[in-house]
C-alpha cells in the first residue's frame, strides 16, 4: 500500500507517519520509485503499536523509541526485555519529600521481606519511597500498614500479566506482548482500580442512601 492508504488504514496523518519514520519509530517503506514507497501490514501493526503506547500508555516519542528498541532486540531474554520496558516507562522521580531515608529503608525492608529479586537502582524503588515519604509528610504514615496488602495484590496482577504473555508462543510476539502488557496494562489496572473503588465504597458505606460517588448507580 502507499502512504495515503497506510494513513487511512491506521487513522494516522501522513505527516505524522513521515515524522515517525524520521525518528526511527517506524521502518521506512520499500522504495518502488525515487518518490514512492510501499508499505505493508507490518507497518500497520507497528503504527497501531506506536499510537497505543502514546495515546493509552502516555509515553513520549523518546520513551517509545526505547520501548521499540527492546521489542526489536533479537536474542534478548523476556526478563531483560521486561526490565528495559520498565526503565523506559518509569521516569526517575523528581520530588524529594522529607523523610526519604526512612522511606527508602521501608522499601528495602519490603523487598527483603517479600523476597523480590529487584535491583536497588530500579526507578520504581525510588518512586515507591517518594510515595511513602509523601504519605507520611501529609500525616498519613499509617498507610504503610497496608503495603503488604498492596504487594499481595500486585504479585497476583504480575502473575496474571506474565501468564497472558506466555500464551504467545512466537518469540517476536512474546517480546511485543511483554512490552505492550507492561505499558497498556498500567492503564487497565488504573481504570479497574477506580471501578473497584466505586464498588467497594458502595458495599462499605452505602446504607440505603442514594449514590454518592462518580459513576455509582
C-alpha atoms as a PDB file:
ATOM      1  CA  UNK A   1       0.000   0.000   0.000  1.00  0.00           C
ATOM      2  CA  UNK A   2       1.035   3.602  -0.480  1.00  0.00           C
ATOM      3  CA  UNK A   3       1.460   6.032   2.391  1.00  0.00           C
ATOM      4  CA  UNK A   4      -2.005   7.512   1.840  1.00  0.00           C
ATOM      5  CA  UNK A   5      -3.550   4.060   2.164  1.00  0.00           C
ATOM      6  CA  UNK A   6      -1.459   3.405   5.273  1.00  0.00           C
ATOM      7  CA  UNK A   7      -2.786   6.646   6.717  1.00  0.00           C
ATOM      8  CA  UNK A   8      -6.396   5.687   6.013  1.00  0.00           C
ATOM      9  CA  UNK A   9      -5.898   2.184   7.434  1.00  0.00           C
ATOM     10  CA  UNK A  10      -4.499   3.465  10.720  1.00  0.00           C
ATOM     11  CA  UNK A  11      -6.012   6.924  11.136  1.00  0.00           C
ATOM     12  CA  UNK A  12      -2.509   8.428  11.453  1.00  0.00           C
ATOM     13  CA  UNK A  13      -1.894  11.510   9.320  1.00  0.00           C
ATOM     14  CA  UNK A  14       0.680  11.283   6.527  1.00  0.00           C
ATOM     15  CA  UNK A  15       2.974  13.976   8.025  1.00  0.00           C
ATOM     16  CA  UNK A  16       2.929  12.094  11.330  1.00  0.00           C
ATOM     17  CA  UNK A  17       3.843   8.833   9.590  1.00  0.00           C
ATOM     18  CA  UNK A  18       6.779  10.579   7.905  1.00  0.00           C
ATOM     19  CA  UNK A  19       7.822  12.017  11.276  1.00  0.00           C
ATOM     20  CA  UNK A  20       7.808   8.537  12.851  1.00  0.00           C
ATOM     21  CA  UNK A  21       9.987   7.264  10.014  1.00  0.00           C
ATOM     22  CA  UNK A  22      12.459  10.136  10.506  1.00  0.00           C
ATOM     23  CA  UNK A  23      12.539   9.479  14.259  1.00  0.00           C
ATOM     24  CA  UNK A  24      13.251   5.790  13.724  1.00  0.00           C
ATOM     25  CA  UNK A  25       9.991   4.581  15.264  1.00  0.00           C
ATOM     26  CA  UNK A  26       8.605   3.213  12.008  1.00  0.00           C
ATOM     27  CA  UNK A  27      10.665   1.402   9.360  1.00  0.00           C
ATOM     28  CA  UNK A  28      10.770   3.147   6.013  1.00  0.00           C
ATOM     29  CA  UNK A  29       8.672   1.728   3.225  1.00  0.00           C
ATOM     30  CA  UNK A  30      10.136  -0.229   0.321  1.00  0.00           C
ATOM     31  CA  UNK A  31      11.067   2.166  -2.468  1.00  0.00           C
ATOM     32  CA  UNK A  32       9.178   1.440  -5.687  1.00  0.00           C
ATOM     33  CA  UNK A  33      10.407   4.620  -7.431  1.00  0.00           C
ATOM     34  CA  UNK A  34      12.506   7.639  -6.427  1.00  0.00           C
ATOM     35  CA  UNK A  35       9.413   9.334  -4.958  1.00  0.00           C
ATOM     36  CA  UNK A  36       7.209   6.401  -3.979  1.00  0.00           C
ATOM     37  CA  UNK A  37       7.398   3.816  -1.209  1.00  0.00           C
ATOM     38  CA  UNK A  38       5.291   0.759  -0.499  1.00  0.00           C
ATOM     39  CA  UNK A  39       4.073  -0.262   2.953  1.00  0.00           C
ATOM     40  CA  UNK A  40       2.550  -3.500   4.239  1.00  0.00           C
ATOM     41  CA  UNK A  41       0.688  -4.961   7.215  1.00  0.00           C
ATOM     42  CA  UNK A  42       3.828  -4.852   9.373  1.00  0.00           C
ATOM     43  CA  UNK A  43       3.721  -1.054   9.103  1.00  0.00           C
ATOM     44  CA  UNK A  44       0.031  -1.042  10.036  1.00  0.00           C
ATOM     45  CA  UNK A  45       0.759  -3.105  13.133  1.00  0.00           C
ATOM     46  CA  UNK A  46       3.765  -1.002  14.151  1.00  0.00           C
ATOM     47  CA  UNK A  47       1.802   2.242  13.717  1.00  0.00           C
ATOM     48  CA  UNK A  48      -1.020   0.930  15.892  1.00  0.00           C
ATOM     49  CA  UNK A  49       1.542  -0.117  18.486  1.00  0.00           C
ATOM     50  CA  UNK A  50       3.150   3.338  18.453  1.00  0.00           C
ATOM     51  CA  UNK A  51      -0.206   5.085  18.839  1.00  0.00           C
ATOM     52  CA  UNK A  52      -1.235   2.709  21.625  1.00  0.00           C
ATOM     53  CA  UNK A  53       1.975   3.383  23.548  1.00  0.00           C
ATOM     54  CA  UNK A  54       1.499   7.133  23.137  1.00  0.00           C
ATOM     55  CA  UNK A  55      -2.265   7.569  23.415  1.00  0.00           C
ATOM     56  CA  UNK A  56      -3.045   4.935  26.055  1.00  0.00           C
ATOM     57  CA  UNK A  57       0.340   4.436  27.679  1.00  0.00           C
ATOM     58  CA  UNK A  58       1.126   8.163  27.694  1.00  0.00           C
ATOM     59  CA  UNK A  59       4.713   7.674  26.504  1.00  0.00           C
ATOM     60  CA  UNK A  60       6.823  10.346  24.859  1.00  0.00           C
ATOM     61  CA  UNK A  61       8.486   9.850  21.494  1.00  0.00           C
ATOM     62  CA  UNK A  62      11.839   9.182  23.166  1.00  0.00           C
ATOM     63  CA  UNK A  63      10.282   6.632  25.547  1.00  0.00           C
ATOM     64  CA  UNK A  64       8.504   4.898  22.654  1.00  0.00           C
ATOM     65  CA  UNK A  65      11.837   4.706  20.830  1.00  0.00           C
ATOM     66  CA  UNK A  66      13.403   2.924  23.817  1.00  0.00           C
ATOM     67  CA  UNK A  67      10.471   0.553  24.174  1.00  0.00           C
ATOM     68  CA  UNK A  68      10.521  -0.329  20.469  1.00  0.00           C
ATOM     69  CA  UNK A  69      14.266  -0.923  20.663  1.00  0.00           C
ATOM     70  CA  UNK A  70      13.501  -3.527  23.313  1.00  0.00           C
ATOM     71  CA  UNK A  71      10.810  -5.059  21.113  1.00  0.00           C
ATOM     72  CA  UNK A  72      13.235  -5.284  18.195  1.00  0.00           C
ATOM     73  CA  UNK A  73      16.212  -6.650  20.154  1.00  0.00           C
ATOM     74  CA  UNK A  74      16.979 -10.148  18.858  1.00  0.00           C
ATOM     75  CA  UNK A  75      18.068 -12.792  21.313  1.00  0.00           C
ATOM     76  CA  UNK A  76      17.222 -10.884  24.480  1.00  0.00           C
ATOM     77  CA  UNK A  77      15.544 -12.825  27.256  1.00  0.00           C
ATOM     78  CA  UNK A  78      11.971 -11.948  28.143  1.00  0.00           C
ATOM     79  CA  UNK A  79      13.165 -10.914  31.614  1.00  0.00           C
ATOM     80  CA  UNK A  80      15.654  -8.416  30.158  1.00  0.00           C
ATOM     81  CA  UNK A  81      13.092  -7.036  27.714  1.00  0.00           C
ATOM     82  CA  UNK A  82      10.604  -6.536  30.533  1.00  0.00           C
ATOM     83  CA  UNK A  83      13.283  -4.685  32.500  1.00  0.00           C
ATOM     84  CA  UNK A  84      14.085  -2.463  29.525  1.00  0.00           C
ATOM     85  CA  UNK A  85      10.404  -1.672  29.042  1.00  0.00           C
ATOM     86  CA  UNK A  86      10.006  -0.770  32.709  1.00  0.00           C
ATOM     87  CA  UNK A  87      13.040   1.510  32.623  1.00  0.00           C
ATOM     88  CA  UNK A  88      11.596   3.291  29.592  1.00  0.00           C
ATOM     89  CA  UNK A  89       8.186   3.899  31.143  1.00  0.00           C
ATOM     90  CA  UNK A  90       9.243   4.661  34.721  1.00  0.00           C
ATOM     91  CA  UNK A  91      10.881   8.096  34.803  1.00  0.00           C
ATOM     92  CA  UNK A  92      13.049   8.893  37.811  1.00  0.00           C
ATOM     93  CA  UNK A  93      11.015  10.749  40.454  1.00  0.00           C
ATOM     94  CA  UNK A  94      11.670  14.472  40.653  1.00  0.00           C
ATOM     95  CA  UNK A  95      10.114  15.021  44.085  1.00  0.00           C
ATOM     96  CA  UNK A  96      12.283  14.750  47.195  1.00  0.00           C
ATOM     97  CA  UNK A  97       9.945  14.995  50.186  1.00  0.00           C
ATOM     98  CA  UNK A  98      11.219  14.966  53.731  1.00  0.00           C
ATOM     99  CA  UNK A  99      11.796  11.570  55.262  1.00  0.00           C
ATOM    100  CA  UNK A 100      13.243   9.928  52.154  1.00  0.00           C
ATOM    101  CA  UNK A 101      15.937   7.977  54.003  1.00  0.00           C
ATOM    102  CA  UNK A 102      13.373   6.360  56.291  1.00  0.00           C
ATOM    103  CA  UNK A 103      11.073   5.681  53.331  1.00  0.00           C
ATOM    104  CA  UNK A 104      13.913   4.076  51.370  1.00  0.00           C
ATOM    105  CA  UNK A 105      14.555   1.852  54.364  1.00  0.00           C
ATOM    106  CA  UNK A 106      10.880   0.842  54.416  1.00  0.00           C
ATOM    107  CA  UNK A 107      11.013  -0.044  50.715  1.00  0.00           C
ATOM    108  CA  UNK A 108      14.235  -2.028  51.127  1.00  0.00           C
ATOM    109  CA  UNK A 109      12.646  -3.872  54.047  1.00  0.00           C
ATOM    110  CA  UNK A 110       9.548  -4.630  51.963  1.00  0.00           C
ATOM    111  CA  UNK A 111      11.669  -6.007  49.112  1.00  0.00           C
ATOM    112  CA  UNK A 112      13.651  -8.212  51.511  1.00  0.00           C
ATOM    113  CA  UNK A 113      10.513  -9.390  53.275  1.00  0.00           C
ATOM    114  CA  UNK A 114       8.816 -10.336  50.021  1.00  0.00           C
ATOM    115  CA  UNK A 115      11.939 -11.944  48.567  1.00  0.00           C
ATOM    116  CA  UNK A 116      11.690  -9.817  45.430  1.00  0.00           C
ATOM    117  CA  UNK A 117      14.733 -10.010  43.147  1.00  0.00           C
ATOM    118  CA  UNK A 118      14.840  -6.305  42.338  1.00  0.00           C
ATOM    119  CA  UNK A 119      17.926  -4.192  41.753  1.00  0.00           C
ATOM    120  CA  UNK A 120      18.202  -1.204  44.126  1.00  0.00           C
ATOM    121  CA  UNK A 121      18.653   1.191  41.177  1.00  0.00           C
ATOM    122  CA  UNK A 122      15.297   0.240  39.646  1.00  0.00           C
ATOM    123  CA  UNK A 123      13.444   3.592  39.355  1.00  0.00           C
ATOM    124  CA  UNK A 124      10.286   2.028  40.782  1.00  0.00           C
ATOM    125  CA  UNK A 125      12.142   1.530  44.083  1.00  0.00           C
ATOM    126  CA  UNK A 126      12.728   5.269  44.430  1.00  0.00           C
ATOM    127  CA  UNK A 127       9.223   6.064  43.173  1.00  0.00           C
ATOM    128  CA  UNK A 128       7.720   3.903  45.914  1.00  0.00           C
ATOM    129  CA  UNK A 129       9.929   5.586  48.517  1.00  0.00           C
ATOM    130  CA  UNK A 130       8.778   9.021  47.330  1.00  0.00           C
ATOM    131  CA  UNK A 131       5.141   7.933  47.623  1.00  0.00           C
ATOM    132  CA  UNK A 132       5.593   6.555  51.150  1.00  0.00           C
ATOM    133  CA  UNK A 133       7.501   9.652  52.280  1.00  0.00           C
ATOM    134  CA  UNK A 134       4.729  11.842  50.872  1.00  0.00           C
ATOM    135  CA  UNK A 135       2.057   9.851  52.715  1.00  0.00           C
ATOM    136  CA  UNK A 136       3.990  10.332  55.946  1.00  0.00           C
ATOM    137  CA  UNK A 137       4.612  14.015  55.250  1.00  0.00           C
ATOM    138  CA  UNK A 138       0.899  14.811  54.911  1.00  0.00           C
ATOM    139  CA  UNK A 139       0.016  12.947  58.080  1.00  0.00           C
ATOM    140  CA  UNK A 140      -0.984   9.569  56.635  1.00  0.00           C
ATOM    141  CA  UNK A 141       2.036   7.472  57.538  1.00  0.00           C
ATOM    142  CA  UNK A 142      -0.263   4.677  58.703  1.00  0.00           C
ATOM    143  CA  UNK A 143      -0.681   3.817  55.026  1.00  0.00           C
ATOM    144  CA  UNK A 144       2.492   1.772  55.463  1.00  0.00           C
ATOM    145  CA  UNK A 145       0.429  -0.706  57.474  1.00  0.00           C
ATOM    146  CA  UNK A 146      -1.234  -1.947  54.271  1.00  0.00           C
ATOM    147  CA  UNK A 147       1.756  -2.049  51.916  1.00  0.00           C
ATOM    148  CA  UNK A 148       1.858  -5.847  52.172  1.00  0.00           C
ATOM    149  CA  UNK A 149      -1.797  -5.969  51.114  1.00  0.00           C
ATOM    150  CA  UNK A 150      -0.793  -3.927  48.067  1.00  0.00           C
ATOM    151  CA  UNK A 151       2.161  -6.241  47.485  1.00  0.00           C
ATOM    152  CA  UNK A 152      -0.102  -9.308  47.626  1.00  0.00           C
ATOM    153  CA  UNK A 153      -2.430  -7.776  45.035  1.00  0.00           C
ATOM    154  CA  UNK A 154       0.451  -6.682  42.807  1.00  0.00           C
ATOM    155  CA  UNK A 155       2.023 -10.141  42.875  1.00  0.00           C
ATOM    156  CA  UNK A 156      -1.261 -11.597  41.636  1.00  0.00           C
ATOM    157  CA  UNK A 157      -1.505  -8.946  38.907  1.00  0.00           C
ATOM    158  CA  UNK A 158       2.108  -9.581  37.843  1.00  0.00           C
ATOM    159  CA  UNK A 159       1.464 -13.336  37.690  1.00  0.00           C
ATOM    160  CA  UNK A 160      -1.613 -12.729  35.539  1.00  0.00           C
ATOM    161  CA  UNK A 161       0.405 -10.421  33.266  1.00  0.00           C
ATOM    162  CA  UNK A 162       3.115 -12.998  32.679  1.00  0.00           C
ATOM    163  CA  UNK A 163       0.562 -15.791  32.238  1.00  0.00           C
ATOM    164  CA  UNK A 164      -1.024 -13.764  29.445  1.00  0.00           C
ATOM    165  CA  UNK A 165       2.369 -13.048  27.879  1.00  0.00           C
ATOM    166  CA  UNK A 166       3.269 -16.744  27.946  1.00  0.00           C
ATOM    167  CA  UNK A 167       0.310 -17.667  25.782  1.00  0.00           C
ATOM    168  CA  UNK A 168       2.105 -16.221  22.761  1.00  0.00           C
ATOM    169  CA  UNK A 169       4.409 -18.954  21.512  1.00  0.00           C
ATOM    170  CA  UNK A 170       6.157 -16.880  18.827  1.00  0.00           C
ATOM    171  CA  UNK A 171       9.282 -15.161  20.098  1.00  0.00           C
ATOM    172  CA  UNK A 172       8.614 -11.841  18.351  1.00  0.00           C
ATOM    173  CA  UNK A 173       5.046 -11.815  19.592  1.00  0.00           C
ATOM    174  CA  UNK A 174       6.180 -12.792  23.071  1.00  0.00           C
ATOM    175  CA  UNK A 175       8.553  -9.844  23.305  1.00  0.00           C
ATOM    176  CA  UNK A 176       5.944  -7.431  21.985  1.00  0.00           C
ATOM    177  CA  UNK A 177       3.385  -8.804  24.443  1.00  0.00           C
ATOM    178  CA  UNK A 178       5.750  -8.154  27.351  1.00  0.00           C
ATOM    179  CA  UNK A 179       6.203  -4.531  26.345  1.00  0.00           C
ATOM    180  CA  UNK A 180       2.587  -3.841  25.438  1.00  0.00           C
ATOM    181  CA  UNK A 181       1.340  -5.583  28.556  1.00  0.00           C
ATOM    182  CA  UNK A 182       3.665  -3.512  30.721  1.00  0.00           C
ATOM    183  CA  UNK A 183       2.590  -0.177  29.249  1.00  0.00           C
ATOM    184  CA  UNK A 184      -1.082  -0.701  28.476  1.00  0.00           C
ATOM    185  CA  UNK A 185      -1.559  -2.976  31.468  1.00  0.00           C
ATOM    186  CA  UNK A 186      -0.844   0.050  33.695  1.00  0.00           C
ATOM    187  CA  UNK A 187      -3.757   1.872  32.066  1.00  0.00           C
ATOM    188  CA  UNK A 188      -6.045  -1.148  32.526  1.00  0.00           C
ATOM    189  CA  UNK A 189      -5.004  -1.538  36.167  1.00  0.00           C
ATOM    190  CA  UNK A 190      -5.631   2.121  36.952  1.00  0.00           C
ATOM    191  CA  UNK A 191      -9.082   2.081  35.345  1.00  0.00           C
ATOM    192  CA  UNK A 192     -10.111  -1.174  37.020  1.00  0.00           C
ATOM    193  CA  UNK A 193      -8.866   0.088  40.380  1.00  0.00           C
ATOM    194  CA  UNK A 194     -11.163   3.117  40.004  1.00  0.00           C
ATOM    195  CA  UNK A 195     -14.107   0.840  39.202  1.00  0.00           C
ATOM    196  CA  UNK A 196     -13.301  -1.408  42.155  1.00  0.00           C
ATOM    197  CA  UNK A 197     -13.159   1.662  44.417  1.00  0.00           C
ATOM    198  CA  UNK A 198     -16.720   2.544  43.430  1.00  0.00           C
ATOM    199  CA  UNK A 199     -17.942  -0.965  44.209  1.00  0.00           C
ATOM    200  CA  UNK A 200     -16.004  -1.211  47.482  1.00  0.00           C
ATOM    201  CA  UNK A 201     -17.283   2.190  48.583  1.00  0.00           C
ATOM    202  CA  UNK A 202     -20.874   1.246  47.819  1.00  0.00           C
ATOM    203  CA  UNK A 203     -20.503  -2.057  49.653  1.00  0.00           C
ATOM    204  CA  UNK A 204     -18.850  -0.495  52.716  1.00  0.00           C
ATOM    205  CA  UNK A 205     -20.551   2.883  53.100  1.00  0.00           C
ATOM    206  CA  UNK A 206     -23.797   2.964  51.145  1.00  0.00           C
ATOM    207  CA  UNK A 207     -26.621   2.096  53.538  1.00  0.00           C
ATOM    208  CA  UNK A 208     -29.882   2.841  51.875  1.00  0.00           C
ATOM    209  CA  UNK A 209     -28.761   6.284  50.705  1.00  0.00           C
ATOM    210  CA  UNK A 210     -28.524   7.440  47.127  1.00  0.00           C
ATOM    211  CA  UNK A 211     -25.447   7.073  45.002  1.00  0.00           C
ATOM    212  CA  UNK A 212     -22.733   9.257  46.344  1.00  0.00           C
ATOM    213  CA  UNK A 213     -19.711   8.892  44.101  1.00  0.00           C
ATOM    214  CA  UNK A 214     -18.906   9.420  40.449  1.00  0.00           C
ATOM    215  CA  UNK A 215     -20.108   6.534  38.350  1.00  0.00           C
ATOM    216  CA  UNK A 216     -22.132   4.993  41.135  1.00  0.00           C
ATOM    217  CA  UNK A 217     -25.575   3.853  40.197  1.00  0.00           C
END
